[in-house]
C-alpha cells in the first residue's frame, strides 16, 4: 500500500481497488496539515495540495483523497 508522506493525520482508512489495498485520505485534513505543520497559508496549502498531491499518480495503488465536506461543494455548484 502506498501512503502519502507527512499526511498521517489525514488518513481515514483503506479500501480495495482492483484487488489492491489503497489508502484513503481526507482532503481537508491534508490541507490542514500543510497549514499547521508546514506554515503555509490557506491559499498556498490548497494550491500545493492540488498540484503536488491530489493530481499525482503513482501507479495503481495511488491513494484516494475524499472531501469530507462534500455537501458544501455540491451545494456550491448551483451557484455557477
N, C-alpha and C. Protein backbone atom coordinates (compact mmCIF):
# COMPACT_ATOMS: atom_id res chain seq x y z
N UNK A 1 0.85 -1.19 0.00
CA UNK A 1 0.00 0.00 0.00
C UNK A 1 0.89 1.24 0.00
N UNK A 2 0.56 2.19 -0.85
CA UNK A 2 1.29 3.45 -0.92
C UNK A 2 0.60 4.46 -0.01
N UNK A 3 1.39 5.15 0.81
CA UNK A 3 0.83 6.19 1.66
C UNK A 3 1.39 7.55 1.25
N UNK A 4 0.69 8.60 1.63
CA UNK A 4 1.11 9.97 1.33
C UNK A 4 2.00 10.45 2.49
N UNK A 5 3.27 10.66 2.20
CA UNK A 5 4.23 11.07 3.23
C UNK A 5 3.79 12.36 3.92
N UNK A 6 3.82 12.34 5.24
CA UNK A 6 3.55 13.53 6.03
C UNK A 6 2.09 13.81 6.28
N UNK A 7 1.21 12.93 5.83
CA UNK A 7 -0.23 13.19 5.97
C UNK A 7 -0.93 12.15 6.84
N UNK A 8 -0.24 11.68 7.88
CA UNK A 8 -0.83 10.66 8.76
C UNK A 8 -2.16 11.11 9.36
N UNK A 9 -2.25 12.40 9.72
CA UNK A 9 -3.48 12.93 10.31
C UNK A 9 -4.65 12.82 9.34
N UNK A 10 -4.38 12.87 8.06
CA UNK A 10 -5.43 12.83 7.05
C UNK A 10 -5.88 11.43 6.67
N UNK A 11 -5.17 10.41 7.11
CA UNK A 11 -5.52 9.03 6.75
C UNK A 11 -6.81 8.61 7.45
N UNK A 12 -7.81 8.29 6.66
CA UNK A 12 -9.10 7.88 7.20
C UNK A 12 -9.24 6.37 7.29
N UNK A 13 -8.60 5.65 6.38
CA UNK A 13 -8.72 4.21 6.36
C UNK A 13 -8.19 3.67 5.05
N UNK A 14 -8.65 2.49 4.71
CA UNK A 14 -8.22 1.86 3.46
C UNK A 14 -9.44 1.31 2.73
N UNK A 15 -9.26 1.05 1.45
CA UNK A 15 -10.29 0.42 0.64
C UNK A 15 -9.59 -0.50 -0.34
N UNK A 16 -10.36 -1.13 -1.17
CA UNK A 16 -9.79 -2.02 -2.17
C UNK A 16 -10.16 -1.50 -3.55
N UNK A 17 -9.16 -1.46 -4.45
CA UNK A 17 -9.40 -1.06 -5.83
C UNK A 17 -8.69 -2.07 -6.71
N UNK A 18 -9.43 -2.72 -7.57
CA UNK A 18 -8.86 -3.73 -8.46
C UNK A 18 -8.06 -4.78 -7.69
N UNK A 19 -8.57 -5.17 -6.52
CA UNK A 19 -7.93 -6.20 -5.73
C UNK A 19 -6.72 -5.76 -4.94
N UNK A 20 -6.43 -4.46 -4.93
CA UNK A 20 -5.28 -3.94 -4.19
C UNK A 20 -5.76 -3.02 -3.07
N UNK A 21 -5.05 -3.04 -1.96
CA UNK A 21 -5.37 -2.17 -0.84
C UNK A 21 -4.87 -0.77 -1.14
N UNK A 22 -5.76 0.21 -0.95
CA UNK A 22 -5.46 1.60 -1.26
C UNK A 22 -5.80 2.47 -0.05
N UNK A 23 -4.90 3.38 0.30
CA UNK A 23 -5.12 4.31 1.41
C UNK A 23 -6.15 5.36 1.01
N UNK A 24 -6.96 5.77 1.98
CA UNK A 24 -7.99 6.79 1.76
C UNK A 24 -7.73 7.95 2.71
N UNK A 25 -7.63 9.15 2.15
CA UNK A 25 -7.29 10.35 2.92
C UNK A 25 -8.39 11.40 2.83
N UNK A 26 -8.46 12.24 3.84
CA UNK A 26 -9.33 13.41 3.86
C UNK A 26 -8.58 14.60 3.24
N UNK A 27 -9.17 15.19 2.22
CA UNK A 27 -8.57 16.37 1.59
C UNK A 27 -8.41 17.49 2.63
N UNK A 28 -9.47 17.74 3.37
CA UNK A 28 -9.44 18.84 4.33
C UNK A 28 -8.35 18.64 5.39
N UNK A 29 -8.22 17.43 5.88
CA UNK A 29 -7.22 17.16 6.91
C UNK A 29 -5.80 17.27 6.36
N UNK A 30 -5.62 16.88 5.11
CA UNK A 30 -4.29 17.01 4.49
C UNK A 30 -3.92 18.48 4.33
N UNK A 31 -4.87 19.29 3.89
CA UNK A 31 -4.60 20.72 3.74
C UNK A 31 -4.35 21.34 5.11
N UNK A 32 -5.11 20.92 6.10
CA UNK A 32 -4.90 21.41 7.47
C UNK A 32 -3.48 21.07 7.95
N UNK A 33 -2.98 19.91 7.59
CA UNK A 33 -1.61 19.52 7.93
C UNK A 33 -0.60 20.47 7.31
N UNK A 34 -0.81 20.83 6.06
CA UNK A 34 0.11 21.76 5.39
C UNK A 34 0.12 23.12 6.08
N UNK A 35 -1.05 23.55 6.51
CA UNK A 35 -1.15 24.84 7.19
C UNK A 35 -0.48 24.78 8.56
N UNK A 36 -0.79 23.75 9.34
CA UNK A 36 -0.30 23.66 10.72
C UNK A 36 1.15 23.21 10.84
N UNK A 37 1.59 22.33 9.96
CA UNK A 37 2.93 21.78 10.11
C UNK A 37 3.95 22.37 9.15
N UNK A 38 3.49 22.92 8.04
CA UNK A 38 4.42 23.49 7.07
C UNK A 38 4.38 25.02 7.06
N UNK A 39 3.44 25.61 7.83
CA UNK A 39 3.37 27.05 7.94
C UNK A 39 2.80 27.76 6.72
N UNK A 40 2.11 27.01 5.86
CA UNK A 40 1.52 27.63 4.68
C UNK A 40 0.24 28.36 5.05
N UNK A 41 -0.09 29.41 4.29
CA UNK A 41 -1.41 29.99 4.48
C UNK A 41 -2.41 29.12 3.70
N UNK A 42 -3.68 29.40 3.85
CA UNK A 42 -4.72 28.56 3.27
C UNK A 42 -4.58 28.45 1.75
N UNK A 43 -4.38 29.56 1.08
CA UNK A 43 -4.28 29.54 -0.38
C UNK A 43 -3.06 28.74 -0.85
N UNK A 44 -1.93 28.95 -0.19
CA UNK A 44 -0.72 28.19 -0.53
C UNK A 44 -0.94 26.70 -0.33
N UNK A 45 -1.57 26.35 0.78
CA UNK A 45 -1.80 24.95 1.10
C UNK A 45 -2.70 24.28 0.07
N UNK A 46 -3.79 24.96 -0.31
CA UNK A 46 -4.70 24.39 -1.31
C UNK A 46 -4.00 24.25 -2.66
N UNK A 47 -3.26 25.27 -3.06
CA UNK A 47 -2.54 25.20 -4.34
C UNK A 47 -1.52 24.07 -4.33
N UNK A 48 -0.74 23.97 -3.27
CA UNK A 48 0.27 22.93 -3.16
C UNK A 48 -0.38 21.55 -3.20
N UNK A 49 -1.42 21.38 -2.39
CA UNK A 49 -2.08 20.09 -2.32
C UNK A 49 -2.67 19.69 -3.66
N UNK A 50 -3.34 20.62 -4.31
CA UNK A 50 -3.97 20.33 -5.60
C UNK A 50 -2.94 19.90 -6.64
N UNK A 51 -1.85 20.64 -6.74
CA UNK A 51 -0.85 20.37 -7.78
C UNK A 51 0.04 19.18 -7.46
N UNK A 52 0.52 19.11 -6.21
CA UNK A 52 1.54 18.12 -5.85
C UNK A 52 1.03 16.81 -5.26
N UNK A 53 -0.18 16.83 -4.75
CA UNK A 53 -0.68 15.63 -4.07
C UNK A 53 -1.91 15.08 -4.77
N UNK A 54 -2.95 15.88 -4.86
CA UNK A 54 -4.22 15.41 -5.40
C UNK A 54 -4.09 14.93 -6.84
N UNK A 55 -3.30 15.60 -7.64
CA UNK A 55 -3.18 15.24 -9.05
C UNK A 55 -1.97 14.36 -9.35
N UNK A 56 -1.32 13.87 -8.32
CA UNK A 56 -0.17 12.98 -8.53
C UNK A 56 -0.67 11.55 -8.73
N UNK A 57 -0.13 10.90 -9.73
CA UNK A 57 -0.45 9.48 -9.97
C UNK A 57 0.82 8.68 -9.78
N UNK A 58 0.78 7.74 -8.86
CA UNK A 58 1.98 6.94 -8.57
C UNK A 58 1.72 5.45 -8.78
N UNK A 59 0.84 5.15 -9.70
CA UNK A 59 0.54 3.77 -10.02
C UNK A 59 -0.83 3.34 -9.54
N UNK A 60 -1.09 2.04 -9.70
CA UNK A 60 -2.43 1.53 -9.40
C UNK A 60 -2.77 1.49 -7.92
N UNK A 61 -1.83 1.84 -7.07
CA UNK A 61 -2.12 1.94 -5.64
C UNK A 61 -2.07 3.39 -5.15
N UNK A 62 -2.21 4.33 -6.09
CA UNK A 62 -2.28 5.75 -5.73
C UNK A 62 -3.39 5.94 -4.69
N UNK A 63 -3.10 6.64 -3.60
CA UNK A 63 -4.14 6.87 -2.58
C UNK A 63 -5.35 7.61 -3.16
N UNK A 64 -6.46 7.41 -2.50
CA UNK A 64 -7.71 8.10 -2.83
C UNK A 64 -7.86 9.25 -1.84
N UNK A 65 -8.26 10.40 -2.33
CA UNK A 65 -8.49 11.57 -1.49
C UNK A 65 -9.96 11.96 -1.61
N UNK A 66 -10.63 12.05 -0.47
CA UNK A 66 -12.05 12.39 -0.48
C UNK A 66 -12.29 13.71 0.26
N UNK A 67 -13.34 14.39 -0.14
CA UNK A 67 -13.77 15.60 0.54
C UNK A 67 -14.80 15.18 1.59
N UNK A 68 -14.45 15.39 2.85
CA UNK A 68 -15.40 15.06 3.92
C UNK A 68 -16.59 16.01 3.90
N UNK A 69 -16.36 17.24 3.52
CA UNK A 69 -17.43 18.25 3.48
C UNK A 69 -17.95 18.41 2.06
N UNK A 70 -18.24 17.31 1.41
CA UNK A 70 -18.65 17.32 0.01
C UNK A 70 -19.98 18.05 -0.21
N UNK A 71 -20.81 18.13 0.83
CA UNK A 71 -22.09 18.82 0.68
C UNK A 71 -21.88 20.28 0.29
N UNK A 72 -20.85 20.92 0.85
CA UNK A 72 -20.56 22.31 0.53
C UNK A 72 -20.21 22.46 -0.94
N UNK A 73 -19.50 21.50 -1.50
CA UNK A 73 -19.09 21.55 -2.89
C UNK A 73 -20.30 21.35 -3.80
N UNK A 74 -21.13 20.38 -3.49
CA UNK A 74 -22.31 20.09 -4.31
C UNK A 74 -23.29 21.26 -4.26
N UNK A 75 -23.52 21.82 -3.08
CA UNK A 75 -24.43 22.95 -2.96
C UNK A 75 -23.89 24.16 -3.71
N UNK A 76 -22.59 24.35 -3.74
CA UNK A 76 -21.97 25.47 -4.44
C UNK A 76 -22.08 25.37 -5.94
N UNK A 77 -22.30 24.17 -6.49
CA UNK A 77 -22.40 24.00 -7.94
C UNK A 77 -23.63 24.71 -8.48
N UNK A 78 -24.67 24.85 -7.67
CA UNK A 78 -25.89 25.53 -8.11
C UNK A 78 -25.62 27.02 -8.34
N UNK A 79 -24.60 27.56 -7.71
CA UNK A 79 -24.28 28.98 -7.83
C UNK A 79 -23.57 29.31 -9.13
N UNK A 80 -23.02 28.32 -9.82
CA UNK A 80 -22.23 28.57 -11.02
C UNK A 80 -23.09 28.77 -12.23
